[in-house]
Amino acid sequence: MEPGGSLARVSGVRTVPEGAEDDVAALYARCFPRLVGLLVSIGGSPSDAEEVAQDAYVKVLMRWETVRG
């Protein structure tokens, strides 16, 4: 079911900086497998390690300008 009318604006949601998606995607492709391996070796299950790593990359994406600098 589609909502009728316009949706309310959500406050506090950050937009992704321009160009950040490609840069973070390259970082993700390069480092994700090693990060998951490290998290598994610390004692997590592979699925938990993947979830933690993915959450970390979402945070990196939202703060890319700071992280990149």
C-alpha atoms as a PDB file:
ATOM      1  CA  MET A   1       0.000   0.000   0.000  1.00  0.00           C
ATOM      2  CA  GLU A   2       1.424   3.349  -1.011  1.00  0.00           C
ATOM      3  CA  PRO A   3       1.106   6.268   1.404  1.00  0.00           C
ATOM      4  CA  GLY A   4      -1.211   9.030   0.358  1.00  0.00           C
ATOM      5  CA  GLY A   5       0.264  12.509   0.204  1.00  0.00           C
ATOM      6  CA  SER A   6       3.792  13.540   1.005  1.00  0.00           C
ATOM      7  CA  LEU A   7       5.904  11.840   3.628  1.00  0.00           C
ATOM      8  CA  ALA A   8       7.019  13.722   6.694  1.00  0.00           C
ATOM      9  CA  ARG A   9      10.643  14.827   6.608  1.00  0.00           C
ATOM     10  CA  VAL A  10      12.874  12.848   8.932  1.00  0.00           C
ATOM     11  CA  SER A  11      15.139  15.045  10.995  1.00  0.00           C
ATOM     12  CA  GLY A  12      18.618  14.002  12.030  1.00  0.00           C
ATOM     13  CA  VAL A  13      19.269  11.850   8.961  1.00  0.00           C
ATOM     14  CA  ARG A  14      22.609  12.602   7.381  1.00  0.00           C
ATOM     15  CA  THR A  15      23.155  12.612   3.668  1.00  0.00           C
ATOM     16  CA  VAL A  16      26.081  10.791   2.133  1.00  0.00           C
ATOM     17  CA  PRO A  17      28.827  13.191   1.004  1.00  0.00           C
ATOM     18  CA  GLU A  18      29.257  13.420  -2.768  1.00  0.00           C
ATOM     19  CA  GLY A  19      31.763  10.877  -4.056  1.00  0.00           C
ATOM     20  CA  ALA A  20      31.857   9.023  -0.759  1.00  0.00           C
ATOM     21  CA  GLU A  21      29.935   5.988  -1.967  1.00  0.00           C
ATOM     22  CA  ASP A  22      32.548   5.046  -4.576  1.00  0.00           C
ATOM     23  CA  ASP A  23      35.460   5.666  -2.214  1.00  0.00           C
ATOM     24  CA  VAL A  24      33.905   3.664   0.613  1.00  0.00           C
ATOM     25  CA  ALA A  25      32.916   0.882  -1.815  1.00  0.00           C
ATOM     26  CA  ALA A  26      36.564   0.586  -2.893  1.00  0.00           C
ATOM     27  CA  LEU A  27      37.715   0.522   0.738  1.00  0.00           C
ATOM     28  CA  TYR A  28      35.044  -2.061   1.546  1.00  0.00           C
ATOM     29  CA  ALA A  29      36.078  -4.343  -1.319  1.00  0.00           C
ATOM     30  CA  ARG A  30      39.730  -4.089  -0.350  1.00  0.00           C
ATOM     31  CA  CYS A  31      39.460  -4.496   3.430  1.00  0.00           C
ATOM     32  CA  PHE A  32      36.180  -6.230   4.299  1.00  0.00           C
ATOM     33  CA  PRO A  33      37.429  -9.848   4.081  1.00  0.00           C
ATOM     34  CA  ARG A  34      40.428  -9.122   6.329  1.00  0.00           C
ATOM     35  CA  LEU A  35      38.267  -7.223   8.812  1.00  0.00           C
ATOM     36  CA  VAL A  36      35.799 -10.110   9.024  1.00  0.00           C
ATOM     37  CA  GLY A  37      38.694 -12.554   9.478  1.00  0.00           C
ATOM     38  CA  LEU A  38      40.071 -10.439  12.311  1.00  0.00           C
ATOM     39  CA  LEU A  39      36.690 -10.232  14.018  1.00  0.00           C
ATOM     40  CA  VAL A  40      36.182 -13.995  13.729  1.00  0.00           C
ATOM     41  CA  SER A  41      39.645 -14.614  15.203  1.00  0.00           C
ATOM     42  CA  ILE A  42      38.775 -12.386  18.158  1.00  0.00           C
ATOM     43  CA  GLY A  43      35.996 -14.809  18.945  1.00  0.00           C
ATOM     44  CA  GLY A  44      32.903 -14.000  16.956  1.00  0.00           C
ATOM     45  CA  SER A  45      30.931 -16.167  14.618  1.00  0.00           C
ATOM     46  CA  PRO A  46      31.327 -15.413  10.899  1.00  0.00           C
ATOM     47  CA  SER A  47      27.790 -14.015  10.662  1.00  0.00           C
ATOM     48  CA  ASP A  48      28.274 -11.780  13.710  1.00  0.00           C
ATOM     49  CA  ALA A  49      31.636 -10.615  12.340  1.00  0.00           C
ATOM     50  CA  GLU A  50      30.072  -9.691   8.995  1.00  0.00           C
ATOM     51  CA  GLU A  51      27.284  -7.769  10.718  1.00  0.00           C
ATOM     52  CA  VAL A  52      29.719  -5.802  12.893  1.00  0.00           C
ATOM     53  CA  ALA A  53      31.933  -5.020   9.887  1.00  0.00           C
ATOM     54  CA  GLN A  54      28.954  -3.861   7.816  1.00  0.00           C
ATOM     55  CA  ASP A  55      27.780  -1.600  10.644  1.00  0.00           C
ATOM     56  CA  ALA A  56      31.263  -0.115  10.837  1.00  0.00           C
ATOM     57  CA  TYR A  57      31.251   0.681   7.108  1.00  0.00           C
ATOM     58  CA  VAL A  58      27.857   2.390   7.401  1.00  0.00           C
ATOM     59  CA  LYS A  59      29.349   4.632  10.091  1.00  0.00           C
ATOM     60  CA  VAL A  60      32.429   5.273   7.958  1.00  0.00           C
ATOM     61  CA  LEU A  61      30.228   6.244   5.017  1.00  0.00           C
ATOM     62  CA  MET A  62      28.337   8.791   7.097  1.00  0.00           C
ATOM     63  CA  ARG A  63      31.568  10.320   8.410  1.00  0.00           C
ATOM     64  CA  TRP A  64      33.653   9.921   5.265  1.00  0.00           C
ATOM     65  CA  GLU A  65      34.847  13.529   5.091  1.00  0.00           C
ATOM     66  CA  THR A  66      36.384  13.223   8.567  1.00  0.00           C
ATOM     67  CA  VAL A  67      37.735   9.709   8.067  1.00  0.00           C
ATOM     68  CA  ARG A  68      39.178  10.524   4.656  1.00  0.00           C
ATOM     69  CA  GLY A  69      41.031  13.538   6.023  1.00  0.00           C
END
